[in-house]
Amino acid sequence: MALKKGFHVGILNYSIYLPEKTITAEELSELVGIKPEILRDKMGINRKHVGGPEDHPGIMATKAAKDLLKKTKVDPKEIDMILYAGETYSEYVCWTVAIKIQNEIGADRAYAWDLSFRCAGTPLALKVAKDMMYADESLKTVLVAGGNANAYLIDYKDPLQSFMFDMSPGGFALILKSDYSENEILGTGIITDHVFCDDVIGKYGGTLNPITEEIAKDPEELRKAKLISLSDPEGMKLRLAERSLPDFTGAVALALKASNLTAADIDFIGITHINPKAHYAIMAELGIDKEKTVYLSDDGHCGHVDQLLALDYGIKQGKVKDGDICALLGAGTGYAFACSIIRRGKG
């Protein structure tokens, strides 16, 4: 839809929470049986974050939100809406994380709800929040926060899950303001490639396959039942090889079109952590110079945090300046691909 002339939504500021404890490629090698040089060079993992007893999605998102409110000096009672853009695998089942965040920060005037889109959730949340602010003029200040602890679901004993060995816990929060032209959110592109819909699942523990007493009696079966499983690993690998690159670049192309921009306009791209070969293949396909990114080799795949984390590094390293066009590109199992374009700073 064509937005009202002069309508802007910008990011006032953001905060990122990452667990302090990390694990190196050498230490991870002992757990997964993969040589450190392969973890580093082929999988892009120099080190990654390891969660502690308090590092759960809602708690991490809340920590980031509290830090952000302190940083911006925004009164929680100014917040009109809280959108949790994080993982549904969280502290409890049948629980709304956003309402817990609302309670923790004292955002009494807001209403709060959860959005689920796996690790493509952050770019989608920016679009959803912006579109809602356009449609409802009472939404002046919106908190978007998220957390991801899917690292706890990965089976290090299963070599077929090696593409997920990079996963790390993390949380983020950002505040959006209407009629705010700094760090402006431009267009978003979204692709869901449904041929992957059942490839990566938590098979047990839902309504279809509850954990039975028989499973619970077998320690190894119970261990595996609590973790992620792959329905068709070989088929998924073949389909990803064929479809993931055009899906990634397709989401960027849609975001650029919605922003009235071209790939040549991109000054920086923050991509969810994938292997280095795929990361730079996306950039090559789009014609973006290799220097216009930060690869998250020292953090791993922190889920919904990745794009903001890459952007944060880009700003601190001087790769992102006022007026720069930044593409934030995420992907999540299912598979979903989403990209939001931001004009950094005052433009």
Protein backbone atom coordinates (compact mmCIF):
# COMPACT_ATOMS: atom_id res chain seq x y z
CA MET A 1 0.00 0.00 0.00
CA ALA A 2 1.12 3.56 -0.61
CA LEU A 3 1.96 5.19 2.70
CA LYS A 4 0.73 8.63 3.66
CA LYS A 5 3.07 11.34 2.48
CA GLY A 6 5.41 12.34 5.26
CA PHE A 7 4.72 9.21 7.34
CA HIS A 8 7.87 7.86 8.98
CA VAL A 9 8.70 5.21 11.54
CA GLY A 10 12.22 5.19 12.90
CA ILE A 11 14.25 3.23 15.42
CA LEU A 12 14.93 5.41 18.44
CA ASN A 13 17.57 3.01 19.72
CA TYR A 14 18.21 -0.67 20.42
CA SER A 15 19.87 -2.94 22.96
CA ILE A 16 21.32 -6.43 22.62
CA TYR A 17 21.74 -9.03 25.34
CA LEU A 18 24.18 -11.91 24.88
CA PRO A 19 25.32 -14.39 27.55
CA GLU A 20 28.83 -13.68 28.81
CA LYS A 21 29.99 -17.27 28.65
CA THR A 22 31.32 -18.44 25.29
CA ILE A 23 32.68 -21.65 23.82
CA THR A 24 35.54 -21.74 21.30
CA ALA A 25 35.76 -23.83 18.16
CA GLU A 26 38.23 -26.08 19.96
CA GLU A 27 35.86 -26.61 22.88
CA LEU A 28 32.87 -27.14 20.59
CA SER A 29 34.90 -29.66 18.59
CA GLU A 30 35.06 -31.90 21.66
CA LEU A 31 31.25 -31.92 21.87
CA VAL A 32 30.35 -32.42 18.21
CA GLY A 33 33.26 -34.45 16.83
CA ILE A 34 34.09 -31.96 14.07
CA LYS A 35 37.63 -30.63 13.65
CA PRO A 36 38.13 -27.04 14.89
CA GLU A 37 39.44 -25.88 11.51
CA ILE A 38 36.23 -27.10 9.84
CA LEU A 39 34.11 -25.34 12.46
CA ARG A 40 36.07 -22.14 11.86
CA ASP A 41 36.60 -22.15 8.10
CA LYS A 42 33.61 -24.00 6.67
CA MET A 43 30.98 -23.35 9.34
CA GLY A 44 32.10 -19.88 10.40
CA ILE A 45 32.30 -20.56 14.14
CA ASN A 46 35.35 -19.14 15.91
CA ARG A 47 33.33 -19.10 19.12
CA LYS A 48 29.70 -18.81 20.17
CA HIS A 49 27.71 -17.84 23.25
CA VAL A 50 26.54 -20.40 25.81
CA GLY A 51 23.51 -19.75 27.96
CA GLY A 52 23.43 -19.89 31.74
CA PRO A 53 20.56 -20.77 34.09
CA GLU A 54 18.88 -17.37 33.58
CA ASP A 55 19.30 -17.20 29.81
CA HIS A 56 15.81 -17.95 28.50
CA PRO A 57 13.99 -16.09 25.69
CA GLY A 58 11.63 -13.98 27.81
CA ILE A 59 14.27 -13.17 30.41
CA MET A 60 16.86 -12.20 27.79
CA ALA A 61 14.34 -10.04 25.90
CA THR A 62 13.38 -8.36 29.19
CA LYS A 63 17.03 -7.68 30.06
CA ALA A 64 17.54 -6.04 26.68
CA ALA A 65 14.31 -4.02 27.10
CA LYS A 66 15.29 -2.76 30.56
CA ASP A 67 18.71 -1.73 29.29
CA LEU A 68 17.10 0.07 26.36
CA LEU A 69 14.67 1.98 28.56
CA LYS A 70 17.56 3.08 30.77
CA LYS A 71 19.58 4.10 27.71
CA THR A 72 16.79 6.10 26.06
CA LYS A 73 15.17 7.38 29.27
CA VAL A 74 11.79 6.42 27.78
CA ASP A 75 9.07 6.10 30.43
CA PRO A 76 7.55 2.59 30.12
CA LYS A 77 4.11 4.19 30.44
CA GLU A 78 4.75 5.95 27.11
CA ILE A 79 4.81 2.60 25.31
CA ASP A 80 1.62 1.91 23.36
CA MET A 81 2.37 -1.63 22.18
CA ILE A 82 4.86 -4.40 22.90
CA LEU A 83 5.56 -6.86 20.11
CA TYR A 84 7.55 -9.94 21.09
CA ALA A 85 9.44 -11.04 17.99
CA GLY A 86 11.19 -14.03 19.46
CA GLU A 87 11.03 -17.76 19.66
CA THR A 88 7.95 -19.58 20.92
CA TYR A 89 10.22 -22.19 22.50
CA SER A 90 10.50 -20.21 25.71
CA GLU A 91 10.11 -20.47 29.48
CA TYR A 92 6.61 -21.96 29.41
CA VAL A 93 4.08 -23.59 27.07
CA CYS A 94 0.88 -21.68 26.23
CA TRP A 95 2.37 -18.41 27.46
CA THR A 96 2.47 -14.91 25.99
CA VAL A 97 6.04 -13.64 26.40
CA ALA A 98 5.19 -10.04 25.49
CA ILE A 99 2.76 -9.75 28.41
CA LYS A 100 5.49 -10.95 30.77
CA ILE A 101 7.82 -8.26 29.37
CA GLN A 102 5.02 -5.72 29.87
CA ASN A 103 4.72 -6.79 33.50
CA GLU A 104 8.47 -6.70 34.11
CA ILE A 105 8.99 -3.18 32.74
CA GLY A 106 5.72 -1.67 33.98
CA ALA A 107 4.31 -0.68 30.60
CA ASP A 108 0.81 -0.32 32.03
CA ARG A 109 -0.72 1.53 29.05
CA ALA A 110 0.50 -0.88 26.39
CA TYR A 111 -1.05 -4.00 24.98
CA ALA A 112 1.31 -6.85 24.26
CA TRP A 113 1.38 -9.80 21.90
CA ASP A 114 3.70 -12.40 20.34
CA LEU A 115 4.77 -12.86 16.74
CA SER A 116 6.27 -16.16 15.63
CA PHE A 117 8.39 -16.46 12.49
CA ARG A 118 11.44 -18.42 13.63
CA CYS A 119 14.75 -16.62 12.94
CA ALA A 120 13.21 -14.44 10.22
CA GLY A 121 11.04 -12.74 12.86
CA THR A 122 12.92 -9.47 13.36
CA PRO A 123 12.58 -8.06 9.82
CA LEU A 124 8.93 -9.15 9.75
CA ALA A 125 8.30 -7.48 13.13
CA LEU A 126 9.65 -4.19 11.80
CA LYS A 127 7.17 -4.34 8.93
CA VAL A 128 4.24 -5.40 11.11
CA ALA A 129 4.90 -2.70 13.69
CA LYS A 130 5.33 -0.02 11.03
CA ASP A 131 2.15 -1.04 9.20
CA MET A 132 0.17 -1.09 12.46
CA MET A 133 1.48 2.36 13.37
CA TYR A 134 0.39 3.60 9.96
CA ALA A 135 -3.09 2.12 10.38
CA ASP A 136 -3.53 3.19 14.01
CA GLU A 137 -2.38 6.72 14.79
CA SER A 138 -2.61 6.01 18.54
CA LEU A 139 0.49 3.82 18.28
CA LYS A 140 3.23 6.39 18.75
CA THR A 141 5.81 4.35 20.67
CA VAL A 142 6.28 0.62 20.12
CA LEU A 143 8.69 -1.75 21.85
CA VAL A 144 9.84 -4.72 19.78
CA ALA A 145 11.75 -7.30 21.81
CA GLY A 146 12.79 -10.88 21.26
CA GLY A 147 14.79 -13.79 22.58
CA ASN A 148 15.99 -17.08 21.21
CA ALA A 149 17.27 -20.17 23.03
CA ASN A 150 16.85 -22.75 20.27
CA ALA A 151 20.49 -23.64 20.86
CA TYR A 152 19.17 -25.74 23.74
CA LEU A 153 17.19 -27.88 21.28
CA ILE A 154 20.10 -28.94 19.07
CA ASP A 155 21.33 -32.53 19.26
CA TYR A 156 25.14 -32.38 19.20
CA LYS A 157 25.20 -36.16 18.85
CA ASP A 158 23.43 -36.00 15.47
CA PRO A 159 25.85 -35.06 12.64
CA LEU A 160 22.88 -34.35 10.37
CA GLN A 161 22.12 -31.34 12.56
CA SER A 162 25.58 -29.83 12.05
CA PHE A 163 24.10 -26.87 10.16
CA MET A 164 22.54 -25.83 13.49
CA PHE A 165 25.64 -26.30 15.66
CA ASP A 166 26.25 -22.53 15.37
CA MET A 167 23.14 -21.63 17.38
CA SER A 168 23.58 -19.35 20.41
CA PRO A 169 21.15 -17.77 22.90
CA GLY A 170 20.47 -14.03 22.80
CA GLY A 171 17.92 -11.27 23.20
CA PHE A 172 17.25 -7.82 21.78
CA ALA A 173 14.94 -4.85 22.12
CA LEU A 174 14.29 -1.76 20.02
CA ILE A 175 11.94 1.18 20.30
CA LEU A 176 10.06 2.47 17.26
CA LYS A 177 8.63 5.98 17.09
CA SER A 178 6.11 7.33 14.60
CA ASP A 179 6.86 10.67 12.91
CA TYR A 180 10.53 9.94 13.57
CA SER A 181 12.73 10.11 10.50
CA GLU A 182 16.02 8.89 12.00
CA ASN A 183 16.96 5.24 11.42
CA GLU A 184 13.89 5.05 9.22
CA ILE A 185 12.33 1.70 8.37
CA LEU A 186 11.76 1.52 4.63
CA GLY A 187 10.42 -1.52 2.76
CA THR A 188 10.32 -5.19 3.66
CA GLY A 189 10.38 -8.33 1.54
CA ILE A 190 9.12 -11.73 2.73
CA ILE A 191 9.26 -15.19 1.19
CA THR A 192 7.99 -18.42 2.77
CA ASP A 193 9.16 -21.50 0.90
CA HIS A 194 6.62 -24.11 2.00
CA VAL A 195 8.44 -27.14 0.57
CA PHE A 196 10.48 -27.05 3.80
CA CYS A 197 7.48 -26.80 6.13
CA ASP A 198 8.03 -30.09 8.00
CA ASP A 199 11.79 -30.47 7.65
CA VAL A 200 12.92 -29.10 11.03
CA ILE A 201 10.52 -29.78 13.89
CA GLY A 202 10.30 -30.52 17.57
CA LYS A 203 8.47 -33.75 16.88
CA TYR A 204 7.51 -34.64 20.45
CA GLY A 205 5.78 -32.61 23.13
CA GLY A 206 3.02 -31.13 21.00
CA THR A 207 -0.57 -32.27 20.62
CA LEU A 208 0.21 -34.73 17.82
CA ASN A 209 3.05 -36.62 19.49
CA PRO A 210 3.04 -36.17 23.26
CA ILE A 211 5.92 -37.64 25.24
CA THR A 212 4.56 -40.96 26.41
CA GLU A 213 5.45 -42.98 29.50
CA GLU A 214 7.19 -45.48 27.23
CA ILE A 215 9.48 -42.76 25.84
CA ALA A 216 10.06 -41.32 29.30
CA LYS A 217 11.30 -44.69 30.60
CA ASP A 218 14.14 -44.79 28.05
CA PRO A 219 16.78 -42.13 28.91
CA GLU A 220 18.16 -41.87 25.36
CA GLU A 221 14.73 -41.79 23.73
CA LEU A 222 13.64 -39.13 26.22
CA ARG A 223 16.77 -37.07 25.52
CA LYS A 224 16.12 -37.13 21.78
CA ALA A 225 12.38 -36.46 22.23
CA LYS A 226 13.17 -33.15 23.92
CA LEU A 227 15.27 -31.94 20.99
CA ILE A 228 14.86 -30.90 17.36
CA SER A 229 14.47 -33.64 14.76
CA LEU A 230 14.86 -33.66 10.98
CA SER A 231 12.13 -35.31 8.95
CA ASP A 232 14.04 -35.67 5.67
CA PRO A 233 17.63 -34.48 6.13
CA GLU A 234 18.94 -35.61 2.74
CA GLY A 235 15.97 -34.18 0.86
CA MET A 236 16.20 -30.91 2.79
CA LYS A 237 19.89 -30.59 1.98
CA LEU A 238 19.21 -31.00 -1.74
CA ARG A 239 16.32 -28.56 -1.70
CA LEU A 240 18.28 -25.96 0.25
CA ALA A 241 21.16 -26.20 -2.23
CA GLU A 242 18.71 -25.43 -5.03
CA ARG A 243 16.38 -22.92 -3.40
CA SER A 244 18.01 -21.06 -0.51
CA LEU A 245 20.12 -18.61 -2.53
CA PRO A 246 17.23 -17.38 -4.72
CA ASP A 247 15.00 -17.23 -1.62
CA PHE A 248 17.53 -15.07 0.25
CA THR A 249 18.17 -12.76 -2.69
CA GLY A 250 14.47 -12.75 -3.57
CA ALA A 251 13.55 -11.37 -0.13
CA VAL A 252 16.14 -8.62 -0.56
CA ALA A 253 14.82 -7.81 -4.04
CA LEU A 254 11.27 -7.49 -2.70
CA ALA A 255 12.46 -5.21 0.13
CA LEU A 256 14.37 -3.02 -2.32
CA LYS A 257 11.36 -2.76 -4.62
CA ALA A 258 9.17 -1.74 -1.68
CA SER A 259 11.77 0.91 -0.81
CA ASN A 260 12.14 2.23 -4.39
CA LEU A 261 15.82 1.25 -4.29
CA THR A 262 18.16 -1.12 -6.11
CA ALA A 263 20.90 -3.46 -4.88
CA ALA A 264 23.45 -0.84 -5.91
CA ASP A 265 22.02 1.41 -3.18
CA ILE A 266 22.87 -1.03 -0.36
CA ASP A 267 25.72 0.30 1.79
CA PHE A 268 25.64 -2.51 4.36
CA ILE A 269 23.97 -5.87 4.76
CA GLY A 270 23.48 -7.73 8.03
CA ILE A 271 22.72 -11.40 7.42
CA THR A 272 21.64 -14.10 9.84
CA HIS A 273 24.59 -16.35 10.65
CA ILE A 274 24.98 -19.02 7.99
CA ASN A 275 28.15 -20.62 6.67
CA PRO A 276 30.65 -18.15 5.12
CA LYS A 277 30.32 -19.58 1.61
CA ALA A 278 26.55 -19.00 1.59
CA HIS A 279 26.86 -15.56 3.25
CA TYR A 280 29.19 -14.22 0.59
CA ALA A 281 27.35 -16.01 -2.23
CA ILE A 282 24.26 -13.94 -1.34
CA MET A 283 26.33 -10.76 -1.50
CA ALA A 284 27.96 -11.76 -4.79
CA GLU A 285 24.58 -12.54 -6.34
CA LEU A 286 23.32 -9.10 -5.29
CA GLY A 287 26.52 -7.38 -6.44
CA ILE A 288 27.37 -6.10 -2.93
CA ASP A 289 31.04 -5.61 -2.07
CA LYS A 290 32.42 -8.07 0.49
CA GLU A 291 33.45 -5.26 2.82
CA LYS A 292 29.85 -4.08 3.25
CA THR A 293 29.00 -6.59 5.96
CA VAL A 294 30.15 -8.05 9.26
CA TYR A 295 30.24 -11.83 9.51
CA LEU A 296 29.29 -13.10 12.97
CA SER A 297 32.09 -15.63 13.40
CA ASP A 298 32.62 -14.76 17.08
CA ASP A 299 28.95 -14.98 18.11
CA GLY A 300 27.30 -17.82 16.21
CA HIS A 301 23.68 -17.77 15.17
CA CYS A 302 21.83 -15.82 17.89
CA GLY A 303 18.50 -16.18 16.12
CA HIS A 304 16.41 -13.01 16.09
CA VAL A 305 19.40 -10.97 17.30
CA ASP A 306 21.68 -11.56 14.30
CA GLN A 307 20.70 -8.67 12.04
CA LEU A 308 20.87 -6.05 14.79
CA LEU A 309 24.13 -7.54 16.05
CA ALA A 310 25.72 -7.31 12.60
CA LEU A 311 24.44 -3.73 12.25
CA ASP A 312 25.83 -2.86 15.68
CA TYR A 313 29.26 -4.18 14.72
CA GLY A 314 29.02 -2.29 11.43
CA ILE A 315 28.34 0.99 13.22
CA LYS A 316 31.15 0.44 15.75
CA GLN A 317 33.62 -0.50 13.01
CA GLY A 318 32.77 2.58 10.95
CA LYS A 319 31.24 0.58 8.13
CA VAL A 320 27.81 2.19 8.64
CA LYS A 321 27.43 5.96 8.54
CA ASP A 322 24.56 8.44 8.60
CA GLY A 323 22.37 8.08 5.54
CA ASP A 324 23.56 4.58 4.68
CA ILE A 325 21.07 2.08 3.33
CA CYS A 326 21.21 -1.09 5.44
CA ALA A 327 19.57 -4.39 4.55
CA LEU A 328 18.69 -6.65 7.48
CA LEU A 329 18.25 -10.18 6.17
CA GLY A 330 16.98 -13.09 8.24
CA ALA A 331 15.94 -16.68 7.61
CA GLY A 332 14.24 -19.29 9.73
CA THR A 333 13.26 -22.90 9.43
CA GLY A 334 10.00 -23.52 7.73
CA TYR A 335 11.60 -21.93 5.65
CA ALA A 336 11.05 -18.20 5.90
CA PHE A 337 13.19 -15.42 4.44
CA ALA A 338 12.68 -11.77 5.37
CA CYS A 339 14.54 -8.53 4.71
CA SER A 340 13.85 -5.03 6.00
CA ILE A 341 15.64 -1.95 4.71
CA ILE A 342 16.70 0.79 7.11
CA ARG A 343 18.16 4.19 6.35
CA ARG A 344 20.70 4.63 9.11
CA GLY A 345 20.88 7.87 11.09
CA LYS A 346 19.48 11.18 9.96
CA GLY A 347 19.67 10.44 6.28
